[in-house]
Amino acid sequence: MDKVKQKLDKELNQIQFSSKQQVLNNSKNKWNTFFNKQIEIPLVPVTGVAIIFITLLSIYPITKESPSLIEQYPAEGQIVEKGGSIYWESWFNEVRQHES
């Protein structure tokens, strides 16, 4: 191992590196090297995930169970179904009285 190092030192003895201080400064600054990276974001998967996310957010209010008519419009009395239509019993009785 020592022979290899000596041989390498002998071969590199004539080469002068002029930016030694700059390299040392950059290597000491770990944050600089950490943030000095290129990031590649794949377009197709990211776009697919975004579309699915937006779709789920827009469908959620539609699929959410809405309150029934009785919960939305609480009133006294009952609901009567006549001829396929739904009426409040009090309103149905009033209309029937006027028609008679």
PDB file of N, CA and C in Angstrom:
ATOM      1  N   MET A   1       0.819  -1.187   0.000  1.00  0.00           N
ATOM      2  CA  MET A   1       0.000   0.000   0.000  1.00  0.00           C
ATOM      3  C   MET A   1       0.867   1.256   0.000  1.00  0.00           C
ATOM      4  N   ASP A   2       1.937   1.215   0.766  1.00  0.00           N
ATOM      5  CA  ASP A   2       2.839   2.363   0.810  1.00  0.00           C
ATOM      6  C   ASP A   2       3.531   2.578  -0.528  1.00  0.00           C
ATOM      7  N   LYS A   3       3.847   1.479  -1.213  1.00  0.00           N
ATOM      8  CA  LYS A   3       4.509   1.610  -2.512  1.00  0.00           C
ATOM      9  C   LYS A   3       3.602   2.275  -3.522  1.00  0.00           C
ATOM     10  N   VAL A   4       2.320   1.942  -3.476  1.00  0.00           N
ATOM     11  CA  VAL A   4       1.354   2.548  -4.399  1.00  0.00           C
ATOM     12  C   VAL A   4       1.238   4.034  -4.136  1.00  0.00           C
ATOM     13  N   LYS A   5       1.163   4.403  -2.856  1.00  0.00           N
ATOM     14  CA  LYS A   5       1.055   5.815  -2.506  1.00  0.00           C
ATOM     15  C   LYS A   5       2.308   6.578  -2.925  1.00  0.00           C
ATOM     16  N   GLN A   6       3.463   5.999  -2.703  1.00  0.00           N
ATOM     17  CA  GLN A   6       4.707   6.658  -3.096  1.00  0.00           C
ATOM     18  C   GLN A   6       4.772   6.835  -4.605  1.00  0.00           C
ATOM     19  N   LYS A   7       4.347   5.827  -5.335  1.00  0.00           N
ATOM     20  CA  LYS A   7       4.375   5.915  -6.788  1.00  0.00           C
ATOM     21  C   LYS A   7       3.402   6.983  -7.277  1.00  0.00           C
ATOM     22  N   LEU A   8       2.229   7.035  -6.662  1.00  0.00           N
ATOM     23  CA  LEU A   8       1.233   8.040  -7.025  1.00  0.00           C
ATOM     24  C   LEU A   8       1.731   9.441  -6.693  1.00  0.00           C
ATOM     25  N   ASP A   9       2.306   9.609  -5.534  1.00  0.00           N
ATOM     26  CA  ASP A   9       2.867  10.907  -5.150  1.00  0.00           C
ATOM     27  C   ASP A   9       3.961  11.347  -6.122  1.00  0.00           C
ATOM     28  N   LYS A  10       4.767  10.423  -6.543  1.00  0.00           N
ATOM     29  CA  LYS A  10       5.856  10.739  -7.456  1.00  0.00           C
ATOM     30  C   LYS A  10       5.295  11.185  -8.809  1.00  0.00           C
ATOM     31  N   GLU A  11       4.248  10.499  -9.297  1.00  0.00           N
ATOM     32  CA  GLU A  11       3.656  10.853 -10.585  1.00  0.00           C
ATOM     33  C   GLU A  11       2.911  12.182 -10.516  1.00  0.00           C
ATOM     34  N   LEU A  12       2.265  12.460  -9.405  1.00  0.00           N
ATOM     35  CA  LEU A  12       1.471  13.689  -9.280  1.00  0.00           C
ATOM     36  C   LEU A  12       2.278  14.865  -8.752  1.00  0.00           C
ATOM     37  N   ASN A  13       3.531  14.684  -8.478  1.00  0.00           N
ATOM     38  CA  ASN A  13       4.387  15.719  -7.926  1.00  0.00           C
ATOM     39  C   ASN A  13       4.514  16.906  -8.874  1.00  0.00           C
ATOM     40  N   GLN A  14       4.513  16.650 -10.147  1.00  0.00           N
ATOM     41  CA  GLN A  14       4.707  17.720 -11.120  1.00  0.00           C
ATOM     42  C   GLN A  14       3.400  18.457 -11.437  1.00  0.00           C
ATOM     43  N   ILE A  15       2.268  17.899 -11.087  1.00  0.00           N
ATOM     44  CA  ILE A  15       0.976  18.541 -11.385  1.00  0.00           C
ATOM     45  C   ILE A  15       0.648  19.532 -10.274  1.00  0.00           C
ATOM     46  N   GLN A  16       0.365  20.745 -10.677  1.00  0.00           N
ATOM     47  CA  GLN A  16       0.012  21.801  -9.732  1.00  0.00           C
ATOM     48  C   GLN A  16      -1.490  22.106  -9.854  1.00  0.00           C
ATOM     49  N   PHE A  17      -2.165  22.029  -8.748  1.00  0.00           N
ATOM     50  CA  PHE A  17      -3.597  22.327  -8.724  1.00  0.00           C
ATOM     51  C   PHE A  17      -3.778  23.717  -8.151  1.00  0.00           C
ATOM     52  N   SER A  18      -4.297  24.626  -8.963  1.00  0.00           N
ATOM     53  CA  SER A  18      -4.339  26.033  -8.560  1.00  0.00           C
ATOM     54  C   SER A  18      -5.591  26.406  -7.757  1.00  0.00           C
ATOM     55  N   SER A  19      -6.636  25.598  -7.784  1.00  0.00           N
ATOM     56  CA  SER A  19      -7.891  25.953  -7.098  1.00  0.00           C
ATOM     57  C   SER A  19      -8.085  25.168  -5.810  1.00  0.00           C
ATOM     58  N   LYS A  20      -7.013  24.859  -5.151  1.00  0.00           N
ATOM     59  CA  LYS A  20      -7.078  24.040  -3.943  1.00  0.00           C
ATOM     60  C   LYS A  20      -7.929  24.702  -2.863  1.00  0.00           C
ATOM     61  N   GLN A  21      -7.716  25.976  -2.626  1.00  0.00           N
ATOM     62  CA  GLN A  21      -8.444  26.681  -1.574  1.00  0.00           C
ATOM     63  C   GLN A  21      -9.941  26.745  -1.885  1.00  0.00           C
ATOM     64  N   GLN A  22     -10.296  26.960  -3.123  1.00  0.00           N
ATOM     65  CA  GLN A  22     -11.705  27.029  -3.518  1.00  0.00           C
ATOM     66  C   GLN A  22     -12.395  25.672  -3.315  1.00  0.00           C
ATOM     67  N   VAL A  23     -11.728  24.611  -3.655  1.00  0.00           N
ATOM     68  CA  VAL A  23     -12.288  23.276  -3.466  1.00  0.00           C
ATOM     69  C   VAL A  23     -12.470  22.978  -1.982  1.00  0.00           C
ATOM     70  N   LEU A  24     -11.518  23.358  -1.176  1.00  0.00           N
ATOM     71  CA  LEU A  24     -11.619  23.132   0.264  1.00  0.00           C
ATOM     72  C   LEU A  24     -12.775  23.923   0.871  1.00  0.00           C
ATOM     73  N   ASN A  25     -12.938  25.166   0.432  1.00  0.00           N
ATOM     74  CA  ASN A  25     -14.046  25.991   0.936  1.00  0.00           C
ATOM     75  C   ASN A  25     -15.401  25.389   0.561  1.00  0.00           C
ATOM     76  N   ASN A  26     -15.508  24.925  -0.668  1.00  0.00           N
ATOM     77  CA  ASN A  26     -16.779  24.341  -1.106  1.00  0.00           C
ATOM     78  C   ASN A  26     -17.071  23.024  -0.400  1.00  0.00           C
ATOM     79  N   SER A  27     -16.062  22.251  -0.153  1.00  0.00           N
ATOM     80  CA  SER A  27     -16.299  20.970   0.510  1.00  0.00           C
ATOM     81  C   SER A  27     -16.636  21.144   1.987  1.00  0.00           C
ATOM     82  N   LYS A  28     -16.170  22.229   2.580  1.00  0.00           N
ATOM     83  CA  LYS A  28     -16.491  22.484   3.982  1.00  0.00           C
ATOM     84  C   LYS A  28     -17.939  22.943   4.144  1.00  0.00           C
ATOM     85  N   ASN A  29     -18.450  23.600   3.148  1.00  0.00           N
ATOM     86  CA  ASN A  29     -19.810  24.119   3.210  1.00  0.00           C
ATOM     87  C   ASN A  29     -20.781  23.019   2.772  1.00  0.00           C
ATOM     88  N   LYS A  30     -21.234  22.224   3.719  1.00  0.00           N
ATOM     89  CA  LYS A  30     -22.099  21.082   3.404  1.00  0.00           C
ATOM     90  C   LYS A  30     -23.476  21.512   2.915  1.00  0.00           C
ATOM     91  N   TRP A  31     -23.964  22.616   3.447  1.00  0.00           N
ATOM     92  CA  TRP A  31     -25.279  23.071   3.001  1.00  0.00           C
ATOM     93  C   TRP A  31     -25.249  23.461   1.534  1.00  0.00           C
ATOM     94  N   ASN A  32     -24.176  24.039   1.107  1.00  0.00           N
ATOM     95  CA  ASN A  32     -24.046  24.436  -0.295  1.00  0.00           C
ATOM     96  C   ASN A  32     -24.108  23.209  -1.199  1.00  0.00           C
ATOM     97  N   THR A  33     -23.411  22.172  -0.825  1.00  0.00           N
ATOM     98  CA  THR A  33     -23.423  20.968  -1.651  1.00  0.00           C
ATOM     99  C   THR A  33     -24.753  20.234  -1.543  1.00  0.00           C
ATOM    100  N   PHE A  34     -25.427  20.343  -0.398  1.00  0.00           N
ATOM    101  CA  PHE A  34     -26.714  19.677  -0.231  1.00  0.00           C
ATOM    102  C   PHE A  34     -27.772  20.301  -1.145  1.00  0.00           C
ATOM    103  N   PHE A  35     -27.817  21.634  -1.204  1.00  0.00           N
ATOM    104  CA  PHE A  35     -28.826  22.309  -2.008  1.00  0.00           C
ATOM    105  C   PHE A  35     -28.436  22.454  -3.474  1.00  0.00           C
ATOM    106  N   ASN A  36     -27.221  22.114  -3.801  1.00  0.00           N
ATOM    107  CA  ASN A  36     -26.755  22.249  -5.178  1.00  0.00           C
ATOM    108  C   ASN A  36     -26.979  20.925  -5.920  1.00  0.00           C
ATOM    109  N   LYS A  37     -28.249  20.536  -6.007  1.00  0.00           N
ATOM    110  CA  LYS A  37     -28.597  19.300  -6.679  1.00  0.00           C
ATOM    111  C   LYS A  37     -29.677  19.576  -7.708  1.00  0.00           C
ATOM    112  N   GLN A  38     -29.694  18.774  -8.739  1.00  0.00           N
ATOM    113  CA  GLN A  38     -30.752  18.871  -9.731  1.00  0.00           C
ATOM    114  C   GLN A  38     -31.829  17.855  -9.374  1.00  0.00           C
ATOM    115  N   ILE A  39     -33.064  18.313  -9.435  1.00  0.00           N
ATOM    116  CA  ILE A  39     -34.183  17.446  -9.114  1.00  0.00           C
ATOM    117  C   ILE A  39     -34.977  17.201 -10.391  1.00  0.00           C
ATOM    118  N   GLU A  40     -35.255  15.944 -10.666  1.00  0.00           N
ATOM    119  CA  GLU A  40     -36.067  15.591 -11.819  1.00  0.00           C
ATOM    120  C   GLU A  40     -37.407  15.084 -11.318  1.00  0.00           C
ATOM    121  N   ILE A  41     -38.482  15.721 -11.766  1.00  0.00           N
ATOM    122  CA  ILE A  41     -39.827  15.311 -11.380  1.00  0.00           C
ATOM    123  C   ILE A  41     -40.497  14.711 -12.614  1.00  0.00           C
ATOM    124  N   PRO A  42     -40.888  13.435 -12.536  1.00  0.00           N
ATOM    125  CA  PRO A  42     -41.542  12.812 -13.678  1.00  0.00           C
ATOM    126  C   PRO A  42     -42.927  13.422 -13.897  1.00  0.00           C
ATOM    127  N   LEU A  43     -43.190  13.881 -15.101  1.00  0.00           N
ATOM    128  CA  LEU A  43     -44.399  14.633 -15.403  1.00  0.00           C
ATOM    129  C   LEU A  43     -45.655  13.758 -15.382  1.00  0.00           C
ATOM    130  N   VAL A  44     -45.613  12.590 -15.971  1.00  0.00           N
ATOM    131  CA  VAL A  44     -46.813  11.764 -16.101  1.00  0.00           C
ATOM    132  C   VAL A  44     -47.340  11.297 -14.734  1.00  0.00           C
ATOM    133  N   PRO A  45     -46.514  10.723 -13.849  1.00  0.00           N
ATOM    134  CA  PRO A  45     -47.062  10.302 -12.557  1.00  0.00           C
ATOM    135  C   PRO A  45     -47.557  11.464 -11.697  1.00  0.00           C
ATOM    136  N   VAL A  46     -46.849  12.563 -11.703  1.00  0.00           N
ATOM    137  CA  VAL A  46     -47.261  13.709 -10.889  1.00  0.00           C
ATOM    138  C   VAL A  46     -48.580  14.268 -11.413  1.00  0.00           C
ATOM    139  N   THR A  47     -48.728  14.362 -12.725  1.00  0.00           N
ATOM    140  CA  THR A  47     -49.970  14.853 -13.316  1.00  0.00           C
ATOM    141  C   THR A  47     -51.113  13.890 -13.011  1.00  0.00           C
ATOM    142  N   GLY A  48     -50.853  12.608 -13.094  1.00  0.00           N
ATOM    143  CA  GLY A  48     -51.885  11.616 -12.790  1.00  0.00           C
ATOM    144  C   GLY A  48     -52.368  11.713 -11.357  1.00  0.00           C
ATOM    145  N   VAL A  49     -51.443  11.849 -10.435  1.00  0.00           N
ATOM    146  CA  VAL A  49     -51.813  11.973  -9.022  1.00  0.00           C
ATOM    147  C   VAL A  49     -52.601  13.259  -8.794  1.00  0.00           C
ATOM    148  N   ALA A  50     -52.202  14.344  -9.431  1.00  0.00           N
ATOM    149  CA  ALA A  50     -52.915  15.615  -9.275  1.00  0.00           C
ATOM    150  C   ALA A  50     -54.340  15.514  -9.814  1.00  0.00           C
ATOM    151  N   ILE A  51     -54.519  14.874 -10.951  1.00  0.00           N
ATOM    152  CA  ILE A  51     -55.857  14.724 -11.533  1.00  0.00           C
ATOM    153  C   ILE A  51     -56.733  13.861 -10.632  1.00  0.00           C
ATOM    154  N   ILE A  52     -56.199  12.775 -10.120  1.00  0.00           N
ATOM    155  CA  ILE A  52     -56.967  11.915  -9.217  1.00  0.00           C
ATOM    156  C   ILE A  52     -57.348  12.671  -7.949  1.00  0.00           C
ATOM    157  N   PHE A  53     -56.418  13.440  -7.412  1.00  0.00           N
ATOM    158  CA  PHE A  53     -56.685  14.208  -6.195  1.00  0.00           C
ATOM    159  C   PHE A  53     -57.794  15.234  -6.429  1.00  0.00           C
ATOM    160  N   ILE A  54     -57.724  15.961  -7.529  1.00  0.00           N
ATOM    161  CA  ILE A  54     -58.744  16.974  -7.847  1.00  0.00           C
ATOM    162  C   ILE A  54     -60.094  16.308  -8.085  1.00  0.00           C
ATOM    163  N   THR A  55     -60.087  15.166  -8.758  1.00  0.00           N
ATOM    164  CA  THR A  55     -61.338  14.445  -9.009  1.00  0.00           C
ATOM    165  C   THR A  55     -61.971  13.978  -7.707  1.00  0.00           C
ATOM    166  N   LEU A  56     -61.172  13.438  -6.817  1.00  0.00           N
ATOM    167  CA  LEU A  56     -61.714  12.986  -5.533  1.00  0.00           C
ATOM    168  C   LEU A  56     -62.268  14.145  -4.720  1.00  0.00           C
ATOM    169  N   LEU A  57     -61.590  15.280  -4.761  1.00  0.00           N
ATOM    170  CA  LEU A  57     -62.083  16.441  -4.022  1.00  0.00           C
ATOM    171  C   LEU A  57     -63.389  16.963  -4.598  1.00  0.00           C
ATOM    172  N   SER A  58     -63.567  16.863  -5.912  1.00  0.00           N
ATOM    173  CA  SER A  58     -64.795  17.367  -6.515  1.00  0.00           C
ATOM    174  C   SER A  58     -65.942  16.371  -6.389  1.00  0.00           C
ATOM    175  N   ILE A  59     -65.655  15.072  -6.293  1.00  0.00           N
ATOM    176  CA  ILE A  59     -66.707  14.067  -6.170  1.00  0.00           C
ATOM    177  C   ILE A  59     -67.175  13.929  -4.721  1.00  0.00           C
ATOM    178  N   TYR A  60     -66.342  14.204  -3.770  1.00  0.00           N
ATOM    179  CA  TYR A  60     -66.687  14.021  -2.362  1.00  0.00           C
ATOM    180  C   TYR A  60     -67.987  14.723  -1.964  1.00  0.00           C
ATOM    181  N   PRO A  61     -68.192  16.009  -2.309  1.00  0.00           N
ATOM    182  CA  PRO A  61     -69.459  16.640  -1.910  1.00  0.00           C
ATOM    183  C   PRO A  61     -70.674  15.989  -2.572  1.00  0.00           C
ATOM    184  N   ILE A  62     -70.525  15.421  -3.759  1.00  0.00           N
ATOM    185  CA  ILE A  62     -71.648  14.792  -4.439  1.00  0.00           C
ATOM    186  C   ILE A  62     -72.030  13.491  -3.744  1.00  0.00           C
ATOM    187  N   THR A  63     -71.033  12.717  -3.362  1.00  0.00           N
ATOM    188  CA  THR A  63     -71.308  11.424  -2.744  1.00  0.00           C
ATOM    189  C   THR A  63     -71.638  11.536  -1.267  1.00  0.00           C
ATOM    190  N   LYS A  64     -71.362  12.667  -0.692  1.00  0.00           N
ATOM    191  CA  LYS A  64     -71.660  12.856   0.719  1.00  0.00           C
ATOM    192  C   LYS A  64     -73.168  12.774   0.915  1.00  0.00           C
ATOM    193  N   GLU A  65     -73.594  12.026   1.886  1.00  0.00           N
ATOM    194  CA  GLU A  65     -75.020  11.813   2.102  1.00  0.00           C
ATOM    195  C   GLU A  65     -75.670  13.121   2.524  1.00  0.00           C
ATOM    196  N   SER A  66     -76.664  13.557   1.742  1.00  0.00           N
ATOM    197  CA  SER A  66     -77.336  14.813   2.065  1.00  0.00           C
ATOM    198  C   SER A  66     -78.461  14.540   3.058  1.00  0.00           C
ATOM    199  N   PRO A  67     -78.783  15.522   3.880  1.00  0.00           N
ATOM    200  CA  PRO A  67     -79.856  15.318   4.853  1.00  0.00           C
ATOM    201  C   PRO A  67     -81.204  15.162   4.147  1.00  0.00           C
ATOM    202  N   SER A  68     -82.112  14.444   4.772  1.00  0.00           N
ATOM    203  CA  SER A  68     -83.419  14.206   4.162  1.00  0.00           C
ATOM    204  C   SER A  68     -84.262  15.471   4.220  1.00  0.00           C
ATOM    205  N   LEU A  69     -85.407  15.438   3.543  1.00  0.00           N
ATOM    206  CA  LEU A  69     -86.297  16.598   3.529  1.00  0.00           C
ATOM    207  C   LEU A  69     -86.813  16.926   4.918  1.00  0.00           C
ATOM    208  N   ILE A  70     -87.058  15.898   5.700  1.00  0.00           N
ATOM    209  CA  ILE A  70     -87.578  16.128   7.050  1.00  0.00           C
ATOM    210  C   ILE A  70     -86.536  16.830   7.908  1.00  0.00           C
ATOM    211  N   GLU A  71     -85.251  16.479   7.731  1.00  0.00           N
ATOM    212  CA  GLU A  71     -84.200  17.142   8.497  1.00  0.00           C
ATOM    213  C   GLU A  71     -83.988  18.574   8.014  1.00  0.00           C
ATOM    214  N   GLN A  72     -84.160  18.806   6.701  1.00  0.00           N
ATOM    215  CA  GLN A  72     -83.952  20.156   6.171  1.00  0.00           C
ATOM    216  C   GLN A  72     -85.112  21.089   6.525  1.00  0.00           C
ATOM    217  N   TYR A  73     -86.317  20.585   6.445  1.00  0.00           N
ATOM    218  CA  TYR A  73     -87.493  21.412   6.699  1.00  0.00           C
ATOM    219  C   TYR A  73     -88.353  20.767   7.776  1.00  0.00           C
ATOM    220  N   PRO A  74     -87.928  20.859   9.019  1.00  0.00           N
ATOM    221  CA  PRO A  74     -88.732  20.231  10.068  1.00  0.00           C
ATOM    222  C   PRO A  74     -90.059  20.969  10.236  1.00  0.00           C
ATOM    223  N   ALA A  75     -91.117  20.235  10.322  1.00  0.00           N
ATOM    224  CA  ALA A  75     -92.443  20.821  10.513  1.00  0.00           C
ATOM    225  C   ALA A  75     -93.293  19.821  11.282  1.00  0.00           C
ATOM    226  N   GLU A  76     -94.319  20.352  11.880  1.00  0.00           N
ATOM    227  CA  GLU A  76     -95.221  19.472  12.605  1.00  0.00           C
ATOM    228  C   GLU A  76     -96.125  18.780  11.612  1.00  0.00           C
ATOM    229  N   GLY A  77     -96.526  17.603  11.900  1.00  0.00           N
ATOM    230  CA  GLY A  77     -97.408  16.858  11.009  1.00  0.00           C
ATOM    231  C   GLY A  77     -96.650  15.771  10.292  1.00  0.00           C
ATOM    232  N   GLN A  78     -97.367  15.128   9.413  1.00  0.00           N
ATOM    233  CA  GLN A  78     -96.783  14.011   8.694  1.00  0.00           C
ATOM    234  C   GLN A  78     -96.721  14.323   7.214  1.00  0.00           C
ATOM    235  N   ILE A  79     -95.975  13.490   6.520  1.00  0.00           N
ATOM    236  CA  ILE A  79     -95.879  13.610   5.076  1.00  0.00           C
ATOM    237  C   ILE A  79     -96.825  12.593   4.458  1.00  0.00           C
ATOM    238  N   VAL A  80     -97.595  13.043   3.461  1.00  0.00           N
ATOM    239  CA  VAL A  80     -98.571  12.189   2.799  1.00  0.00           C
ATOM    240  C   VAL A  80     -98.142  12.021   1.348  1.00  0.00           C
ATOM    241  N   GLU A  81     -98.223  10.788   0.850  1.00  0.00           N
ATOM    242  CA  GLU A  81     -97.903  10.537  -0.555  1.00  0.00           C
ATOM    243  C   GLU A  81     -99.193  10.220  -1.292  1.00  0.00           C
ATOM    244  N   LYS A  82     -99.509  11.019  -2.295  1.00  0.00           N
ATOM    245  CA  LYS A  82    -100.696  10.810  -3.107  1.00  0.00           C
ATOM    246  C   LYS A  82    -100.342  10.957  -4.576  1.00  0.00           C
ATOM    247  N   GLY A  83    -100.673  10.002  -5.376  1.00  0.00           N
ATOM    248  CA  GLY A  83    -100.455  10.072  -6.824  1.00  0.00           C
ATOM    249  C   GLY A  83     -98.995  10.216  -7.204  1.00  0.00           C
ATOM    250  N   GLY A  84     -98.088   9.677  -6.434  1.00  0.00           N
ATOM    251  CA  GLY A  84     -96.668   9.746  -6.738  1.00  0.00           C
ATOM    252  C   GLY A  84     -96.003  11.027  -6.266  1.00  0.00           C
ATOM    253  N   SER A  85     -96.764  11.925  -5.633  1.00  0.00           N
ATOM    254  CA  SER A  85     -96.216  13.170  -5.111  1.00  0.00           C
ATOM    255  C   SER A  85     -96.252  13.144  -3.599  1.00  0.00           C
ATOM    256  N   ILE A  86     -95.419  13.960  -2.976  1.00  0.00           N
ATOM    257  CA  ILE A  86     -95.321  14.002  -1.518  1.00  0.00           C
ATOM    258  C   ILE A  86     -95.801  15.374  -1.051  1.00  0.00           C
ATOM    259  N   TYR A  87     -96.706  15.390  -0.049  1.00  0.00           N
ATOM    260  CA  TYR A  87     -97.278  16.620   0.483  1.00  0.00           C
ATOM    261  C   TYR A  87     -97.220  16.584   2.002  1.00  0.00           C
ATOM    262  N   TRP A  88     -97.197  17.800   2.618  1.00  0.00           N
ATOM    263  CA  TRP A  88     -97.409  17.880   4.058  1.00  0.00           C
ATOM    264  C   TRP A  88     -98.883  17.603   4.302  1.00  0.00           C
ATOM    265  N   GLU A  89     -99.161  16.897   5.371  1.00  0.00           N
ATOM    266  CA  GLU A  89    -100.547  16.506   5.648  1.00  0.00           C
ATOM    267  C   GLU A  89    -101.440  17.732   5.827  1.00  0.00           C
ATOM    268  N   SER A  90    -100.959  18.756   6.511  1.00  0.00           N
ATOM    269  CA  SER A  90    -101.767  19.956   6.737  1.00  0.00           C
ATOM    270  C   SER A  90    -102.072  20.662   5.416  1.00  0.00           C
ATOM    271  N   TRP A  91    -101.101  20.766   4.535  1.00  0.00           N
ATOM    272  CA  TRP A  91    -101.318  21.417   3.242  1.00  0.00           C
ATOM    273  C   TRP A  91    -102.256  20.577   2.375  1.00  0.00           C
ATOM    274  N   PHE A  92    -102.110  19.273   2.414  1.00  0.00           N
ATOM    275  CA  PHE A  92    -102.954  18.374   1.634  1.00  0.00           C
ATOM    276  C   PHE A  92    -104.414  18.487   2.093  1.00  0.00           C
ATOM    277  N   ASN A  93    -104.628  18.572   3.405  1.00  0.00           N
ATOM    278  CA  ASN A  93    -105.993  18.710   3.924  1.00  0.00           C
ATOM    279  C   ASN A  93    -106.606  20.039   3.516  1.00  0.00           C
ATOM    280  N   GLU A  94    -105.825  21.128   3.530  1.00  0.00           N
ATOM    281  CA  GLU A  94    -106.342  22.434   3.114  1.00  0.00           C
ATOM    282  C   GLU A  94    -106.752  22.413   1.646  1.00  0.00           C
ATOM    283  N   VAL A  95    -105.924  21.830   0.793  1.00  0.00           N
ATOM    284  CA  VAL A  95    -106.228  21.782  -0.645  1.00  0.00           C
ATOM    285  C   VAL A  95    -107.481  20.924  -0.860  1.00  0.00           C
ATOM    286  N   ARG A  96    -107.610  19.801  -0.148  1.00  0.00           N
ATOM    287  CA  ARG A  96    -108.756  18.932  -0.305  1.00  0.00           C
ATOM    288  C   ARG A  96    -110.035  19.641   0.126  1.00  0.00           C
ATOM    289  N   GLN A  97    -109.965  20.476   1.180  1.00  0.00           N
ATOM    290  CA  GLN A  97    -111.145  21.215   1.630  1.00  0.00           C
ATOM    291  C   GLN A  97    -111.594  22.231   0.573  1.00  0.00           C
ATOM    292  N   HIS A  98    -110.613  22.906  -0.079  1.00  0.00           N
ATOM    293  CA  HIS A  98    -110.959  23.906  -1.091  1.00  0.00           C
ATOM    294  C   HIS A  98    -111.527  23.252  -2.353  1.00  0.00           C
ATOM    295  N   GLU A  99    -111.076  22.063  -2.654  1.00  0.00           N
ATOM    296  CA  GLU A  99    -111.558  21.372  -3.853  1.00  0.00           C
ATOM    297  C   GLU A  99    -112.953  20.809  -3.652  1.00  0.00           C
ATOM    298  N   SER A 100    -113.341  20.531  -2.399  1.00  0.00           N
ATOM    299  CA  SER A 100    -114.648  19.914  -2.142  1.00  0.00           C
ATOM    300  C   SER A 100    -115.778  20.907  -2.201  1.00  0.00           C
TER     301      SER A 100
END
